[in-house]
Each structure stands twice: as structure tokens, then as C-alpha cells.
Amino acid sequence: MNWKFISMLHWTYFNKGMSLTYYIKFLILLFGVSSLNVKDTLYLGALYGVASYILGLLFFRVGFAEEEIEVNNFFNRFVREVRKKFK
């Protein structure tokens, strides 16, 4: 595996974690705007970034990504027709 693949893999982990915890960033924004405490807001943002990466990593390692694809395939008419044809 080359460095491009590894970097894109880590980027995918982070993005998946961010998409799973989408609304938490608005709570951090609300905290930062209401308290005007920049230091604590930066700490919360950094913690959120690390937690998003870990959650995305677990999402792929545990096998939820494959199940997500299967759910998408369940509702995809093309996949249904292909599966029906090859049965």
C-alpha cells in the first residue's frame, strides 16, 4: 500500500465519523458563540475531530460500512434486477 492509499483511508475514516456526528458541530458552534471562550471551544473542536476519526474507524472495522451498502442495495432497483437475474 502506498502513501496515497493510506492517506485516503484515514481521510475516509474521518469523513465518515464527521457525517455520523454531523449535528454535534453545531452544539460546539453554539457553545463557542454563547460563551466566547475560545480556548475551550478549540479544545472541544479538537476533541470532536479525534472522536470523529475514531468513530469512523470503528464504523469500518466493525462492519457497519458493508451493512450500509447492503441497505442501499436493498432499495436499489438495478441491484434487485441483477440479483433476480442471477438467482
N, C-alpha and C. Protein backbone atom coordinates (compact mmCIF):
# COMPACT_ATOMS: atom_id res chain seq x y z
N MET A 1 0.85 -1.18 0.00
CA MET A 1 0.00 0.00 0.00
C MET A 1 0.89 1.24 0.00
N ASN A 2 0.54 2.16 -0.85
CA ASN A 2 1.33 3.38 -0.93
C ASN A 2 0.74 4.46 -0.02
N TRP A 3 1.44 5.56 0.04
CA TRP A 3 1.04 6.63 0.96
C TRP A 3 -0.27 7.29 0.54
N LYS A 4 -0.58 7.29 -0.76
CA LYS A 4 -1.84 7.89 -1.21
C LYS A 4 -3.03 7.09 -0.70
N PHE A 5 -2.91 5.78 -0.79
CA PHE A 5 -3.99 4.92 -0.32
C PHE A 5 -4.19 5.07 1.19
N ILE A 6 -3.10 5.07 1.91
CA ILE A 6 -3.16 5.20 3.38
C ILE A 6 -3.77 6.54 3.77
N SER A 7 -3.36 7.61 3.12
CA SER A 7 -3.89 8.93 3.46
C SER A 7 -5.38 9.02 3.12
N MET A 8 -5.80 8.45 2.01
CA MET A 8 -7.22 8.48 1.66
C MET A 8 -8.04 7.59 2.59
N LEU A 9 -7.44 6.52 3.08
CA LEU A 9 -8.13 5.66 4.03
C LEU A 9 -8.40 6.42 5.34
N HIS A 10 -7.40 7.13 5.83
CA HIS A 10 -7.59 7.92 7.05
C HIS A 10 -8.56 9.07 6.82
N TRP A 11 -8.52 9.67 5.64
CA TRP A 11 -9.46 10.73 5.30
C TRP A 11 -10.89 10.19 5.29
N THR A 12 -11.07 8.96 4.79
CA THR A 12 -12.39 8.34 4.76
C THR A 12 -12.89 8.05 6.16
N TYR A 13 -12.01 7.57 7.03
CA TYR A 13 -12.41 7.34 8.42
C TYR A 13 -12.90 8.63 9.06
N PHE A 14 -12.14 9.70 8.87
CA PHE A 14 -12.50 10.98 9.46
C PHE A 14 -13.82 11.50 8.89
N ASN A 15 -13.99 11.44 7.58
CA ASN A 15 -15.21 11.93 6.95
C ASN A 15 -16.44 11.14 7.37
N LYS A 16 -16.29 9.84 7.50
CA LYS A 16 -17.43 9.03 7.93
C LYS A 16 -17.82 9.36 9.36
N GLY A 17 -16.82 9.54 10.21
CA GLY A 17 -17.11 9.95 11.59
C GLY A 17 -17.77 11.31 11.66
N MET A 18 -17.32 12.23 10.81
CA MET A 18 -17.93 13.57 10.78
C MET A 18 -19.38 13.49 10.30
N SER A 19 -19.65 12.63 9.33
CA SER A 19 -21.02 12.52 8.84
C SER A 19 -21.94 11.85 9.86
N LEU A 20 -21.40 10.94 10.66
CA LEU A 20 -22.21 10.30 11.69
C LEU A 20 -22.53 11.23 12.85
N THR A 21 -21.64 12.18 13.10
CA THR A 21 -21.82 13.11 14.23
C THR A 21 -22.03 14.53 13.72
N TYR A 22 -22.79 14.67 12.66
CA TYR A 22 -22.95 15.94 11.96
C TYR A 22 -23.46 17.06 12.87
N TYR A 23 -24.45 16.79 13.68
CA TYR A 23 -25.10 17.85 14.45
C TYR A 23 -24.31 18.28 15.68
N ILE A 24 -23.33 17.50 16.09
CA ILE A 24 -22.54 17.87 17.27
C ILE A 24 -21.73 19.13 17.00
N LYS A 25 -21.31 19.33 15.76
CA LYS A 25 -20.53 20.53 15.45
C LYS A 25 -21.34 21.80 15.66
N PHE A 26 -22.65 21.73 15.51
CA PHE A 26 -23.48 22.90 15.75
C PHE A 26 -23.59 23.20 17.25
N LEU A 27 -23.55 22.16 18.06
CA LEU A 27 -23.53 22.38 19.51
C LEU A 27 -22.22 23.04 19.93
N ILE A 28 -21.12 22.63 19.31
CA ILE A 28 -19.83 23.27 19.62
C ILE A 28 -19.84 24.72 19.16
N LEU A 29 -20.42 24.97 17.99
CA LEU A 29 -20.55 26.35 17.50
C LEU A 29 -21.40 27.19 18.44
N LEU A 30 -22.50 26.63 18.89
CA LEU A 30 -23.38 27.34 19.82
C LEU A 30 -22.66 27.63 21.13
N PHE A 31 -21.89 26.66 21.62
CA PHE A 31 -21.11 26.88 22.83
C PHE A 31 -20.10 28.00 22.63
N GLY A 32 -19.41 27.98 21.50
CA GLY A 32 -18.39 29.00 21.24
C GLY A 32 -18.97 30.39 21.10
N VAL A 33 -20.11 30.50 20.45
CA VAL A 33 -20.73 31.81 20.25
C VAL A 33 -21.32 32.32 21.55
N SER A 34 -21.93 31.45 22.31
CA SER A 34 -22.59 31.91 23.53
C SER A 34 -21.60 32.20 24.67
N SER A 35 -20.52 31.45 24.75
CA SER A 35 -19.59 31.66 25.87
C SER A 35 -18.44 32.58 25.51
N LEU A 36 -18.11 32.70 24.24
CA LEU A 36 -16.96 33.48 23.77
C LEU A 36 -15.65 32.99 24.39
N ASN A 37 -15.63 31.74 24.78
CA ASN A 37 -14.45 31.13 25.36
C ASN A 37 -13.71 30.37 24.25
N VAL A 38 -12.72 31.02 23.67
CA VAL A 38 -12.04 30.49 22.51
C VAL A 38 -11.23 29.24 22.87
N LYS A 39 -10.57 29.26 23.99
CA LYS A 39 -9.70 28.15 24.38
C LYS A 39 -10.50 26.85 24.55
N ASP A 40 -11.59 26.91 25.30
CA ASP A 40 -12.40 25.72 25.50
C ASP A 40 -13.08 25.27 24.21
N THR A 41 -13.47 26.22 23.37
CA THR A 41 -14.09 25.88 22.10
C THR A 41 -13.09 25.16 21.19
N LEU A 42 -11.85 25.59 21.18
CA LEU A 42 -10.82 24.91 20.40
C LEU A 42 -10.55 23.51 20.93
N TYR A 43 -10.55 23.36 22.24
CA TYR A 43 -10.39 22.03 22.83
C TYR A 43 -11.54 21.12 22.44
N LEU A 44 -12.76 21.64 22.51
CA LEU A 44 -13.92 20.84 22.11
C LEU A 44 -13.86 20.47 20.63
N GLY A 45 -13.42 21.40 19.79
CA GLY A 45 -13.30 21.12 18.36
C GLY A 45 -12.25 20.05 18.09
N ALA A 46 -11.13 20.13 18.77
CA ALA A 46 -10.08 19.12 18.59
C ALA A 46 -10.55 17.76 19.09
N LEU A 47 -11.22 17.74 20.23
CA LEU A 47 -11.77 16.50 20.75
C LEU A 47 -12.81 15.92 19.80
N TYR A 48 -13.61 16.78 19.22
CA TYR A 48 -14.62 16.36 18.25
C TYR A 48 -13.96 15.74 17.01
N GLY A 49 -12.87 16.34 16.55
CA GLY A 49 -12.15 15.80 15.39
C GLY A 49 -11.57 14.43 15.67
N VAL A 50 -10.96 14.26 16.82
CA VAL A 50 -10.38 12.96 17.19
C VAL A 50 -11.49 11.92 17.38
N ALA A 51 -12.56 12.32 18.03
CA ALA A 51 -13.68 11.39 18.25
C ALA A 51 -14.33 11.00 16.93
N SER A 52 -14.40 11.92 15.98
CA SER A 52 -14.96 11.60 14.67
C SER A 52 -14.10 10.59 13.94
N TYR A 53 -12.80 10.76 14.02
CA TYR A 53 -11.88 9.81 13.38
C TYR A 53 -12.05 8.41 13.99
N ILE A 54 -12.08 8.35 15.31
CA ILE A 54 -12.20 7.05 15.99
C ILE A 54 -13.54 6.39 15.67
N LEU A 55 -14.61 7.19 15.65
CA LEU A 55 -15.92 6.64 15.32
C LEU A 55 -15.96 6.13 13.88
N GLY A 56 -15.37 6.86 12.96
CA GLY A 56 -15.31 6.40 11.57
C GLY A 56 -14.48 5.14 11.43
N LEU A 57 -13.38 5.07 12.15
CA LEU A 57 -12.54 3.88 12.13
C LEU A 57 -13.32 2.66 12.63
N LEU A 58 -14.03 2.83 13.73
CA LEU A 58 -14.84 1.74 14.26
C LEU A 58 -15.97 1.35 13.32
N PHE A 59 -16.54 2.34 12.64
CA PHE A 59 -17.62 2.08 11.69
C PHE A 59 -17.16 1.12 10.60
N PHE A 60 -15.94 1.30 10.12
CA PHE A 60 -15.43 0.42 9.08
C PHE A 60 -14.90 -0.89 9.64
N ARG A 61 -14.25 -0.86 10.79
CA ARG A 61 -13.64 -2.07 11.33
C ARG A 61 -14.67 -3.06 11.86
N VAL A 62 -15.77 -2.56 12.39
CA VAL A 62 -16.79 -3.44 12.96
C VAL A 62 -17.65 -4.06 11.86
N GLY A 63 -17.76 -3.39 10.71
CA GLY A 63 -18.51 -3.94 9.59
C GLY A 63 -19.79 -3.21 9.26
N PHE A 64 -20.00 -2.06 9.86
CA PHE A 64 -21.20 -1.29 9.55
C PHE A 64 -21.18 -0.75 8.13
N ALA A 65 -20.01 -0.51 7.57
CA ALA A 65 -19.93 0.03 6.21
C ALA A 65 -20.49 -0.97 5.21
N GLU A 66 -20.19 -2.24 5.38
CA GLU A 66 -20.72 -3.26 4.48
C GLU A 66 -22.23 -3.39 4.63
N GLU A 67 -22.71 -3.27 5.84
CA GLU A 67 -24.16 -3.34 6.05
C GLU A 67 -24.86 -2.12 5.48
N GLU A 68 -24.21 -0.98 5.53
CA GLU A 68 -24.78 0.23 4.93
C GLU A 68 -24.92 0.06 3.42
N ILE A 69 -23.94 -0.56 2.80
CA ILE A 69 -24.01 -0.82 1.36
C ILE A 69 -25.14 -1.79 1.05
N GLU A 70 -25.31 -2.81 1.90
CA GLU A 70 -26.39 -3.77 1.68
C GLU A 70 -27.76 -3.11 1.82
N VAL A 71 -27.91 -2.19 2.75
CA VAL A 71 -29.17 -1.47 2.89
C VAL A 71 -29.43 -0.62 1.64
N ASN A 72 -28.40 0.04 1.13
CA ASN A 72 -28.56 0.81 -0.10
C ASN A 72 -28.91 -0.10 -1.27
N ASN A 73 -28.31 -1.27 -1.33
CA ASN A 73 -28.61 -2.20 -2.40
C ASN A 73 -30.03 -2.76 -2.30
N PHE A 74 -30.55 -2.85 -1.10
CA PHE A 74 -31.90 -3.35 -0.89
C PHE A 74 -32.93 -2.46 -1.58
N PHE A 75 -32.68 -1.16 -1.60
CA PHE A 75 -33.61 -0.21 -2.20
C PHE A 75 -33.25 0.18 -3.63
N ASN A 76 -32.16 -0.34 -4.15
CA ASN A 76 -31.70 -0.03 -5.49
C ASN A 76 -32.37 -0.99 -6.48
N ARG A 77 -33.16 -0.44 -7.40
CA ARG A 77 -33.90 -1.29 -8.34
C ARG A 77 -32.97 -2.05 -9.27
N PHE A 78 -31.88 -1.44 -9.69
CA PHE A 78 -30.94 -2.11 -10.58
C PHE A 78 -30.33 -3.33 -9.91
N VAL A 79 -29.92 -3.19 -8.68
CA VAL A 79 -29.32 -4.31 -7.95
C VAL A 79 -30.34 -5.42 -7.76
N ARG A 80 -31.59 -5.06 -7.47
CA ARG A 80 -32.64 -6.07 -7.32
C ARG A 80 -32.82 -6.87 -8.61
N GLU A 81 -32.82 -6.17 -9.75
CA GLU A 81 -32.99 -6.86 -11.02
C GLU A 81 -31.80 -7.78 -11.32
N VAL A 82 -30.60 -7.32 -11.03
CA VAL A 82 -29.42 -8.14 -11.28
C VAL A 82 -29.42 -9.36 -10.38
N ARG A 83 -29.75 -9.18 -9.12
CA ARG A 83 -29.80 -10.33 -8.20
C ARG A 83 -30.88 -11.32 -8.62
N LYS A 84 -32.01 -10.80 -9.09
CA LYS A 84 -33.08 -11.67 -9.54
C LYS A 84 -32.64 -12.48 -10.77
N LYS A 85 -31.88 -11.84 -11.65
CA LYS A 85 -31.45 -12.49 -12.88
C LYS A 85 -30.45 -13.61 -12.61
N PHE A 86 -29.58 -13.42 -11.62
CA PHE A 86 -28.53 -14.40 -11.34
C PHE A 86 -28.92 -15.44 -10.31
N LYS A 87 -30.15 -15.44 -9.84
CA LYS A 87 -30.59 -16.46 -8.88
C LYS A 87 -30.93 -17.74 -9.57
